[in-house]
Each structure stands twice: as C-alpha cells, then as structure tokens.
Amino acid sequence: MKRRPFALSNWKMSMTVTESLAFVRDFQNLGKNLLSQIDVVICPAYTSLWPVAQALEGTDLQLGAQNIAPTADLARTGEISATLLADVGCRWVMLGHWEIRRHLGDNDTTVNRKVHLVLEAGLTPILLIGEGRNDDSPSQEAIEKHLAAVLDGCQAEQAAKMVFVYEPEGAIGVSTPAAQEWVAVGCSFIRNWLHEKYGVLVSNQVRIIYGGSVTPEHAANLLTHPDIDGLGATRRGRNPATFIKIVEQVVKAKSRN
C-alpha cells in the first residue's frame, strides 16, 4: 500500500510570532511545488498557534501542537487542553516526547490519557515512541511496552490515522541522527507490533517517521527503508530553507515506492 509521505517540524520553546509568520511565508514560497505531494505539519509554540493558524488557511501546510494537559479539568493553570487546541485550528498533537517525560513527569499512563483526550476533541495524535537514553540499540521490548500502554483502549480505525515517530531518547539534541540500520529496525518493530495488534490493513496504512537530530545531509540515507514514511526535525525544522531540503528528500525517496 502506498502511503502519503509525512514531515514534521517541532519548534519547541522558540520562534516569536513574527518569526513564525516569516517561516510560514518563506517555507510556502520555497515549497510551492512540493507541498501537494506530502503532509507537512508544523508545531509552533503556543503563543504562535492562533496567528499561524490564520496564515495557514487555504494552504497545504497543517498545524499541530506540542502537547496537552492530561485532563479536561478547567482548573489547570499554565496548561492547555485538546479542546482549546482544536478551537485555535490545530489538527494534530504531539504526545509522548522524551523531553516532556523527562521534565514534566509524563509516563505511558499519562500519554494514554492524553491520546484519548486528543481523539475526543477530533484531533489526531502524533505518538513519539523509542528507547531510553541508556539503550545502545533498538529495543523491541521497550517499543512494544510503550505501544501497548499508550494505545490501550484505542480502536483499529483510530490507530490507523495516527502518525508514529520513532525517536530514541539518545538521538535528541545530538549532532547526528541514529544510524540508518538502527532507525530501520526501530520503525519495523513499530509496524510489526501494529500488525499483530490491529491487523494488516492498519499496519499498512499507518505512517511511521523518524525523528532525532535529522539533517538534510542524512535524510536520504534514513529514508531508504520501506517502513519509514518521512522525517521529523527540530533545529533544522525552524529554518525554512533547511527544512525544505529535508521535505524534498522525503518526497524524492517516497515517490519511488
């Protein structure tokens, strides 16, 4: 089954409103011949979501958020709900990032709660899955443990629409991504587990991408395996000229499949 390529840019706690709008303008100009061939999701800081949503109207770029609160309770100072993100124009929400696990105390149970809140709000989860910092190779046990917990209670038709980002914790914030062989094995572990859990139709439909210190120079090599449907970027995803090079590599590699 041919899957539509996918690219993700997580801006973390950076980019002013002015910078965010300039990115949207410049990226669209650079990518006008590419964006009809790929789903590109940008996840700005919360302060930029509304103006970016307005700037994206009528374009092929899609808006995502970086996290939600693990509850619909309104008495949560300093947090944001899936309902508010839907209202501002988001279509996607990233869940399970290692930095949120590390700094804000998320665990698999919390991420599962967020998955269901995102689905109830009509949004689509982008689930980040991978081994911990101390693992020096792909861990099928760790990946399957995460998947079983964060997808608990999810139906096949819900899982089929999600995007899964394979991102080992040790690949975050370093100079180069994980080795191509490591990435291929990790993404295959995810697809095989989804096959066993939900069946061949879901595993064939689900898009799995790699994230973690992605650069244009490494993109083509990372994309060689058929289980990898795209890439996610952070530092390089905040520069429109650099990110478009990554998007170009994704479209080029996956158009041959």
C-alpha atoms as a PDB file:
ATOM      1  CA  MET A   1       0.000   0.000   0.000  1.00  0.00           C
ATOM      2  CA  LYS A   2       1.390   3.410  -0.962  1.00  0.00           C
ATOM      3  CA  ARG A   3       1.325   5.792   1.999  1.00  0.00           C
ATOM      4  CA  ARG A   4       1.396   9.560   1.708  1.00  0.00           C
ATOM      5  CA  PRO A   5       4.784  10.928   2.887  1.00  0.00           C
ATOM      6  CA  PHE A   6       4.892  12.909   6.124  1.00  0.00           C
ATOM      7  CA  ALA A   7       7.212  15.583   7.535  1.00  0.00           C
ATOM      8  CA  LEU A   8       7.052  17.133  11.000  1.00  0.00           C
ATOM      9  CA  SER A   9       8.657  20.251  12.431  1.00  0.00           C
ATOM     10  CA  ASN A  10       8.660  20.705  16.219  1.00  0.00           C
ATOM     11  CA  TRP A  11       9.668  24.243  17.140  1.00  0.00           C
ATOM     12  CA  LYS A  12       9.794  23.580  20.898  1.00  0.00           C
ATOM     13  CA  MET A  13      10.057  26.757  23.032  1.00  0.00           C
ATOM     14  CA  SER A  14      11.311  29.012  20.258  1.00  0.00           C
ATOM     15  CA  MET A  15      10.171  31.318  17.455  1.00  0.00           C
ATOM     16  CA  THR A  16       8.334  34.566  18.166  1.00  0.00           C
ATOM     17  CA  VAL A  17       5.067  35.309  16.391  1.00  0.00           C
ATOM     18  CA  THR A  18       6.944  37.427  13.855  1.00  0.00           C
ATOM     19  CA  GLU A  19       9.486  34.669  13.243  1.00  0.00           C
ATOM     20  CA  SER A  20       6.748  32.053  12.971  1.00  0.00           C
ATOM     21  CA  LEU A  21       4.824  34.003  10.346  1.00  0.00           C
ATOM     22  CA  ALA A  22       8.012  34.664   8.406  1.00  0.00           C
ATOM     23  CA  PHE A  23       8.734  30.923   8.403  1.00  0.00           C
ATOM     24  CA  VAL A  24       5.267  30.133   7.021  1.00  0.00           C
ATOM     25  CA  ARG A  25       5.671  32.723   4.250  1.00  0.00           C
ATOM     26  CA  ASP A  26       9.172  31.681   3.263  1.00  0.00           C
ATOM     27  CA  PHE A  27       8.542  27.936   3.516  1.00  0.00           C
ATOM     28  CA  GLN A  28       5.469  28.122   1.322  1.00  0.00           C
ATOM     29  CA  ASN A  29       7.371  30.089  -1.302  1.00  0.00           C
ATOM     30  CA  LEU A  30      10.180  27.518  -1.289  1.00  0.00           C
ATOM     31  CA  GLY A  31       7.873  24.509  -1.254  1.00  0.00           C
ATOM     32  CA  LYS A  32       5.065  25.537  -3.572  1.00  0.00           C
ATOM     33  CA  ASN A  33       5.859  22.700  -5.992  1.00  0.00           C
ATOM     34  CA  LEU A  34       6.215  20.081  -3.250  1.00  0.00           C
ATOM     35  CA  LEU A  35       3.501  20.590  -0.668  1.00  0.00           C
ATOM     36  CA  SER A  36       0.766  18.900  -2.681  1.00  0.00           C
ATOM     37  CA  GLN A  37       2.788  15.667  -2.563  1.00  0.00           C
ATOM     38  CA  ILE A  38       3.352  15.382   1.184  1.00  0.00           C
ATOM     39  CA  ASP A  39       1.697  16.129   4.522  1.00  0.00           C
ATOM     40  CA  VAL A  40       3.799  18.722   6.353  1.00  0.00           C
ATOM     41  CA  VAL A  41       2.867  19.523   9.957  1.00  0.00           C
ATOM     42  CA  ILE A  42       4.432  22.389  11.902  1.00  0.00           C
ATOM     43  CA  CYS A  43       4.130  22.582  15.687  1.00  0.00           C
ATOM     44  CA  PRO A  44       4.825  26.126  16.898  1.00  0.00           C
ATOM     45  CA  ALA A  45       4.953  27.432  20.446  1.00  0.00           C
ATOM     46  CA  TYR A  46       1.501  28.009  21.971  1.00  0.00           C
ATOM     47  CA  THR A  47       1.868  31.779  21.641  1.00  0.00           C
ATOM     48  CA  SER A  48       2.029  31.482  17.848  1.00  0.00           C
ATOM     49  CA  LEU A  49      -0.749  28.951  17.247  1.00  0.00           C
ATOM     50  CA  TRP A  50      -3.539  31.416  16.502  1.00  0.00           C
ATOM     51  CA  PRO A  51      -1.669  33.728  14.089  1.00  0.00           C
ATOM     52  CA  VAL A  52      -0.062  30.739  12.366  1.00  0.00           C
ATOM     53  CA  ALA A  53      -3.474  29.080  12.018  1.00  0.00           C
ATOM     54  CA  GLN A  54      -4.737  32.189  10.234  1.00  0.00           C
ATOM     55  CA  ALA A  55      -1.709  32.245   7.962  1.00  0.00           C
ATOM     56  CA  LEU A  56      -2.199  28.574   7.037  1.00  0.00           C
ATOM     57  CA  GLU A  57      -5.812  28.940   5.888  1.00  0.00           C
ATOM     58  CA  GLY A  58      -6.150  27.787   2.304  1.00  0.00           C
ATOM     59  CA  THR A  59      -2.622  26.311   2.216  1.00  0.00           C
ATOM     60  CA  ASP A  60      -1.282  22.756   2.214  1.00  0.00           C
ATOM     61  CA  LEU A  61       0.596  23.224   5.495  1.00  0.00           C
ATOM     62  CA  GLN A  62      -1.039  21.709   8.577  1.00  0.00           C
ATOM     63  CA  LEU A  63      -0.959  22.901  12.188  1.00  0.00           C
ATOM     64  CA  GLY A  64      -0.052  20.799  15.192  1.00  0.00           C
ATOM     65  CA  ALA A  65       0.588  21.361  18.890  1.00  0.00           C
ATOM     66  CA  GLN A  66       3.415  20.037  21.034  1.00  0.00           C
ATOM     67  CA  ASN A  67       1.437  18.666  23.996  1.00  0.00           C
ATOM     68  CA  ILE A  68      -1.794  18.852  26.003  1.00  0.00           C
ATOM     69  CA  ALA A  69      -2.786  18.633  29.644  1.00  0.00           C
ATOM     70  CA  PRO A  70      -3.633  15.091  30.815  1.00  0.00           C
ATOM     71  CA  THR A  71      -7.128  16.159  31.852  1.00  0.00           C
ATOM     72  CA  ALA A  72     -10.163  18.110  30.681  1.00  0.00           C
ATOM     73  CA  ASP A  73     -10.440  19.748  34.126  1.00  0.00           C
ATOM     74  CA  LEU A  74     -10.516  23.526  33.548  1.00  0.00           C
ATOM     75  CA  ALA A  75      -8.660  24.274  36.787  1.00  0.00           C
ATOM     76  CA  ARG A  76      -5.187  23.725  35.308  1.00  0.00           C
ATOM     77  CA  THR A  77      -3.138  26.912  35.496  1.00  0.00           C
ATOM     78  CA  GLY A  78      -0.474  27.178  32.797  1.00  0.00           C
ATOM     79  CA  GLU A  79      -1.683  24.218  30.719  1.00  0.00           C
ATOM     80  CA  ILE A  80      -3.717  23.754  27.557  1.00  0.00           C
ATOM     81  CA  SER A  81      -6.486  21.353  26.596  1.00  0.00           C
ATOM     82  CA  ALA A  82      -7.169  19.418  23.421  1.00  0.00           C
ATOM     83  CA  THR A  83     -10.450  21.332  23.105  1.00  0.00           C
ATOM     84  CA  LEU A  84      -8.643  24.684  23.081  1.00  0.00           C
ATOM     85  CA  LEU A  85      -6.166  23.407  20.505  1.00  0.00           C
ATOM     86  CA  ALA A  86      -8.995  22.270  18.250  1.00  0.00           C
ATOM     87  CA  ASP A  87     -10.639  25.668  18.642  1.00  0.00           C
ATOM     88  CA  VAL A  88      -7.471  27.516  17.602  1.00  0.00           C
ATOM     89  CA  GLY A  89      -7.149  25.436  14.426  1.00  0.00           C
ATOM     90  CA  CYS A  90      -4.831  22.540  15.255  1.00  0.00           C
ATOM     91  CA  ARG A  91      -5.330  19.211  13.514  1.00  0.00           C
ATOM     92  CA  TRP A  92      -2.535  17.249  15.183  1.00  0.00           C
ATOM     93  CA  VAL A  93      -0.998  16.927  18.656  1.00  0.00           C
ATOM     94  CA  MET A  94       2.406  15.500  19.528  1.00  0.00           C
ATOM     95  CA  LEU A  95       2.326  13.144  22.514  1.00  0.00           C
ATOM     96  CA  GLY A  96       4.988  11.220  24.426  1.00  0.00           C
ATOM     97  CA  HIS A  97       8.089  13.294  23.640  1.00  0.00           C
ATOM     98  CA  TRP A  98      11.051  12.303  25.796  1.00  0.00           C
ATOM     99  CA  GLU A  99      11.571  15.888  26.978  1.00  0.00           C
ATOM    100  CA  ILE A 100       8.030  16.031  28.346  1.00  0.00           C
ATOM    101  CA  ARG A 101       8.508  12.673  30.014  1.00  0.00           C
ATOM    102  CA  ARG A 102      11.796  13.881  31.483  1.00  0.00           C
ATOM    103  CA  HIS A 103      10.873  17.409  32.554  1.00  0.00           C
ATOM    104  CA  LEU A 104       7.107  17.286  33.150  1.00  0.00           C
ATOM    105  CA  GLY A 105       6.737  13.764  34.501  1.00  0.00           C
ATOM    106  CA  ASP A 106       4.773  12.118  31.697  1.00  0.00           C
ATOM    107  CA  ASN A 107       4.654   8.335  31.661  1.00  0.00           C
ATOM    108  CA  ASP A 108       2.866   5.811  29.483  1.00  0.00           C
ATOM    109  CA  THR A 109      -0.318   6.048  31.540  1.00  0.00           C
ATOM    110  CA  THR A 110      -0.390   9.834  31.220  1.00  0.00           C
ATOM    111  CA  VAL A 111       0.291   9.666  27.495  1.00  0.00           C
ATOM    112  CA  ASN A 112      -2.557   7.175  27.050  1.00  0.00           C
ATOM    113  CA  ARG A 113      -4.907   9.549  28.858  1.00  0.00           C
ATOM    114  CA  LYS A 114      -3.820  12.342  26.512  1.00  0.00           C
ATOM    115  CA  VAL A 115      -4.336  10.130  23.454  1.00  0.00           C
ATOM    116  CA  HIS A 116      -7.985   9.660  24.338  1.00  0.00           C
ATOM    117  CA  LEU A 117      -8.489  13.360  25.086  1.00  0.00           C
ATOM    118  CA  VAL A 118      -6.988  14.256  21.701  1.00  0.00           C
ATOM    119  CA  LEU A 119      -9.246  11.773  19.921  1.00  0.00           C
ATOM    120  CA  GLU A 120     -12.324  13.033  21.793  1.00  0.00           C
ATOM    121  CA  ALA A 121     -11.519  16.577  20.615  1.00  0.00           C
ATOM    122  CA  GLY A 122     -11.437  15.422  16.988  1.00  0.00           C
ATOM    123  CA  LEU A 123      -7.678  15.801  16.659  1.00  0.00           C
ATOM    124  CA  THR A 124      -5.093  13.231  15.608  1.00  0.00           C
ATOM    125  CA  PRO A 125      -2.194  12.077  17.811  1.00  0.00           C
ATOM    126  CA  ILE A 126       1.399  12.080  16.650  1.00  0.00           C
ATOM    127  CA  LEU A 127       2.883   9.487  19.014  1.00  0.00           C
ATOM    128  CA  LEU A 128       6.579   9.521  19.820  1.00  0.00           C
ATOM    129  CA  ILE A 129       7.975   6.081  20.594  1.00  0.00           C
ATOM    130  CA  GLY A 130      11.522   4.938  21.308  1.00  0.00           C
ATOM    131  CA  GLU A 131      14.099   3.547  23.670  1.00  0.00           C
ATOM    132  CA  GLY A 132      15.512   5.353  26.670  1.00  0.00           C
ATOM    133  CA  ARG A 133      18.780   7.234  26.845  1.00  0.00           C
ATOM    134  CA  ASN A 134      20.813   4.255  28.074  1.00  0.00           C
ATOM    135  CA  ASP A 135      19.841   1.815  25.321  1.00  0.00           C
ATOM    136  CA  ASP A 136      22.577   1.368  22.727  1.00  0.00           C
ATOM    137  CA  SER A 137      20.468  -0.488  20.152  1.00  0.00           C
ATOM    138  CA  PRO A 138      16.801  -0.806  19.164  1.00  0.00           C
ATOM    139  CA  SER A 139      14.834  -2.452  21.955  1.00  0.00           C
ATOM    140  CA  GLN A 140      11.798  -4.413  20.821  1.00  0.00           C
ATOM    141  CA  GLU A 141      10.773  -4.880  24.455  1.00  0.00           C
ATOM    142  CA  ALA A 142      10.835  -1.130  25.194  1.00  0.00           C
ATOM    143  CA  ILE A 143       8.998  -0.218  21.998  1.00  0.00           C
ATOM    144  CA  GLU A 144       6.282  -2.829  22.491  1.00  0.00           C
ATOM    145  CA  LYS A 145       5.854  -1.805  26.142  1.00  0.00           C
ATOM    146  CA  HIS A 146       5.313   1.830  25.134  1.00  0.00           C
ATOM    147  CA  LEU A 147       2.915   0.959  22.315  1.00  0.00           C
ATOM    148  CA  ALA A 148       0.771  -1.390  24.391  1.00  0.00           C
ATOM    149  CA  ALA A 149       0.396   1.200  27.153  1.00  0.00           C
ATOM    150  CA  VAL A 150      -0.150   4.392  25.155  1.00  0.00           C
ATOM    151  CA  LEU A 151      -2.627   2.740  22.752  1.00  0.00           C
ATOM    152  CA  ASP A 152      -4.618   0.970  25.447  1.00  0.00           C
ATOM    153  CA  GLY A 153      -8.319   1.302  24.630  1.00  0.00           C
ATOM    154  CA  CYS A 154      -7.735   2.590  21.075  1.00  0.00           C
ATOM    155  CA  GLN A 155      -9.662   1.010  18.238  1.00  0.00           C
ATOM    156  CA  ALA A 156      -8.113  -0.074  14.949  1.00  0.00           C
ATOM    157  CA  GLU A 157      -9.686   2.771  12.977  1.00  0.00           C
ATOM    158  CA  GLN A 158      -8.276   5.297  15.457  1.00  0.00           C
ATOM    159  CA  ALA A 159      -4.763   3.860  15.380  1.00  0.00           C
ATOM    160  CA  ALA A 160      -4.765   3.746  11.586  1.00  0.00           C
ATOM    161  CA  LYS A 161      -4.993   7.546  11.340  1.00  0.00           C
ATOM    162  CA  MET A 162      -2.185   8.270  13.801  1.00  0.00           C
ATOM    163  CA  VAL A 163       1.396   9.054  12.910  1.00  0.00           C
ATOM    164  CA  PHE A 164       4.161   7.338  14.882  1.00  0.00           C
ATOM    165  CA  VAL A 165       7.544   8.988  15.345  1.00  0.00           C
ATOM    166  CA  TYR A 166      10.383   6.625  16.163  1.00  0.00           C
ATOM    167  CA  GLU A 167      12.737   8.718  18.289  1.00  0.00           C
ATOM    168  CA  PRO A 168      15.253   7.110  20.662  1.00  0.00           C
ATOM    169  CA  GLU A 169      15.921   9.433  23.576  1.00  0.00           C
ATOM    170  CA  GLY A 170      19.659   9.359  22.897  1.00  0.00           C
ATOM    171  CA  ALA A 171      19.109  10.826  19.419  1.00  0.00           C
ATOM    172  CA  ILE A 172      17.629  14.079  20.744  1.00  0.00           C
ATOM    173  CA  GLY A 173      19.842  17.168  20.662  1.00  0.00           C
ATOM    174  CA  VAL A 174      22.974  15.472  19.337  1.00  0.00           C
ATOM    175  CA  SER A 175      24.988  16.266  16.226  1.00  0.00           C
ATOM    176  CA  THR A 176      23.830  13.371  14.033  1.00  0.00           C
ATOM    177  CA  PRO A 177      20.777  11.087  13.895  1.00  0.00           C
ATOM    178  CA  ALA A 178      20.753   7.431  14.848  1.00  0.00           C
ATOM    179  CA  ALA A 179      22.366   5.038  12.382  1.00  0.00           C
ATOM    180  CA  GLN A 180      20.233   4.064   9.403  1.00  0.00           C
ATOM    181  CA  GLU A 181      20.232   0.403  10.443  1.00  0.00           C
ATOM    182  CA  TRP A 182      19.035   1.328  13.948  1.00  0.00           C
ATOM    183  CA  VAL A 183      16.255   3.515  12.547  1.00  0.00           C
ATOM    184  CA  ALA A 184      15.082   0.829  10.125  1.00  0.00           C
ATOM    185  CA  VAL A 185      14.874  -1.811  12.857  1.00  0.00           C
ATOM    186  CA  GLY A 186      13.036   0.507  15.258  1.00  0.00           C
ATOM    187  CA  CYS A 187      10.442   1.537  12.674  1.00  0.00           C
ATOM    188  CA  SER A 188       9.933  -2.099  11.691  1.00  0.00           C
ATOM    189  CA  PHE A 189       9.346  -3.030  15.340  1.00  0.00           C
ATOM    190  CA  ILE A 190       6.557  -0.440  15.479  1.00  0.00           C
ATOM    191  CA  ARG A 191       4.895  -1.603  12.260  1.00  0.00           C
ATOM    192  CA  ASN A 192       5.146  -5.271  13.211  1.00  0.00           C
ATOM    193  CA  TRP A 193       3.548  -4.616  16.596  1.00  0.00           C
ATOM    194  CA  LEU A 194       0.695  -2.701  14.950  1.00  0.00           C
ATOM    195  CA  HIS A 195       0.258  -5.622  12.551  1.00  0.00           C
ATOM    196  CA  GLU A 196      -0.026  -8.079  15.421  1.00  0.00           C
ATOM    197  CA  LYS A 197      -2.377  -5.820  17.400  1.00  0.00           C
ATOM    198  CA  TYR A 198      -4.646  -4.385  14.712  1.00  0.00           C
ATOM    199  CA  GLY A 199      -4.055  -6.409  11.560  1.00  0.00           C
ATOM    200  CA  VAL A 200      -2.529  -5.911   8.149  1.00  0.00           C
ATOM    201  CA  LEU A 201      -4.873  -3.144   6.975  1.00  0.00           C
ATOM    202  CA  VAL A 202      -3.887  -0.876   9.870  1.00  0.00           C
ATOM    203  CA  SER A 203      -0.183  -1.684   9.737  1.00  0.00           C
ATOM    204  CA  ASN A 204      -0.141  -0.963   6.004  1.00  0.00           C
ATOM    205  CA  GLN A 205      -1.979   2.342   6.442  1.00  0.00           C
ATOM    206  CA  VAL A 206      -0.152   3.791   9.449  1.00  0.00           C
ATOM    207  CA  ARG A 207       2.639   6.251   8.754  1.00  0.00           C
ATOM    208  CA  ILE A 208       5.865   5.883  10.720  1.00  0.00           C
ATOM    209  CA  ILE A 209       8.579   8.533  10.583  1.00  0.00           C
ATOM    210  CA  TYR A 210      11.945   9.009  12.251  1.00  0.00           C
ATOM    211  CA  GLY A 211      12.841  11.993  14.418  1.00  0.00           C
ATOM    212  CA  GLY A 212      16.006  12.902  16.288  1.00  0.00           C
ATOM    213  CA  SER A 213      18.767  15.250  15.069  1.00  0.00           C
ATOM    214  CA  VAL A 214      17.665  14.946  11.438  1.00  0.00           C
ATOM    215  CA  THR A 215      19.721  16.913   8.904  1.00  0.00           C
ATOM    216  CA  PRO A 216      19.416  17.320   5.116  1.00  0.00           C
ATOM    217  CA  GLU A 217      22.745  15.527   4.754  1.00  0.00           C
ATOM    218  CA  HIS A 218      21.458  12.387   6.480  1.00  0.00           C
ATOM    219  CA  ALA A 219      17.860  12.455   5.224  1.00  0.00           C
ATOM    220  CA  ALA A 220      18.235  10.358   2.074  1.00  0.00           C
ATOM    221  CA  ASN A 221      20.053   7.579   3.917  1.00  0.00           C
ATOM    222  CA  LEU A 222      17.441   7.471   6.686  1.00  0.00           C
ATOM    223  CA  LEU A 223      14.598   7.128   4.186  1.00  0.00           C
ATOM    224  CA  THR A 224      15.800   4.024   2.356  1.00  0.00           C
ATOM    225  CA  HIS A 225      13.752   1.519   4.354  1.00  0.00           C
ATOM    226  CA  PRO A 226      10.138   0.973   3.180  1.00  0.00           C
ATOM    227  CA  ASP A 227       8.755   1.166   6.745  1.00  0.00           C
ATOM    228  CA  ILE A 228       9.926   4.791   7.080  1.00  0.00           C
ATOM    229  CA  ASP A 229       7.392   7.236   5.626  1.00  0.00           C
ATOM    230  CA  GLY A 230       9.043  10.529   6.463  1.00  0.00           C
ATOM    231  CA  LEU A 231      11.107  12.545   8.918  1.00  0.00           C
ATOM    232  CA  GLY A 232      10.702  14.927  11.826  1.00  0.00           C
ATOM    233  CA  ALA A 233      13.046  17.836  12.530  1.00  0.00           C
ATOM    234  CA  THR A 234      13.525  20.376  15.301  1.00  0.00           C
ATOM    235  CA  ARG A 235      16.589  22.607  14.956  1.00  0.00           C
ATOM    236  CA  ARG A 236      16.598  22.173  11.175  1.00  0.00           C
ATOM    237  CA  GLY A 237      12.825  22.402  11.164  1.00  0.00           C
ATOM    238  CA  ARG A 238      12.908  26.039  12.246  1.00  0.00           C
ATOM    239  CA  ASN A 239      14.826  27.195   9.203  1.00  0.00           C
ATOM    240  CA  PRO A 240      12.614  27.195   6.092  1.00  0.00           C
ATOM    241  CA  ALA A 241      15.494  26.736   3.653  1.00  0.00           C
ATOM    242  CA  THR A 242      16.907  23.804   5.631  1.00  0.00           C
ATOM    243  CA  PHE A 243      13.571  22.168   6.349  1.00  0.00           C
ATOM    244  CA  ILE A 244      12.517  22.319   2.701  1.00  0.00           C
ATOM    245  CA  LYS A 245      15.654  20.332   1.831  1.00  0.00           C
ATOM    246  CA  ILE A 246      14.501  17.615   4.239  1.00  0.00           C
ATOM    247  CA  VAL A 247      10.998  17.698   2.757  1.00  0.00           C
ATOM    248  CA  GLU A 248      12.476  17.423  -0.741  1.00  0.00           C
ATOM    249  CA  GLN A 249      14.391  14.320   0.306  1.00  0.00           C
ATOM    250  CA  VAL A 250      11.237  12.738   1.746  1.00  0.00           C
ATOM    251  CA  VAL A 251       9.209  13.387  -1.410  1.00  0.00           C
ATOM    252  CA  LYS A 252      12.019  12.152  -3.641  1.00  0.00           C
ATOM    253  CA  ALA A 253      12.597   8.941  -1.666  1.00  0.00           C
ATOM    254  CA  LYS A 254       8.957   8.036  -1.169  1.00  0.00           C
ATOM    255  CA  SER A 255       7.779   8.874  -4.698  1.00  0.00           C
ATOM    256  CA  ARG A 256       9.819   5.888  -5.860  1.00  0.00           C
ATOM    257  CA  ASN A 257       7.987   3.460  -3.558  1.00  0.00           C
END
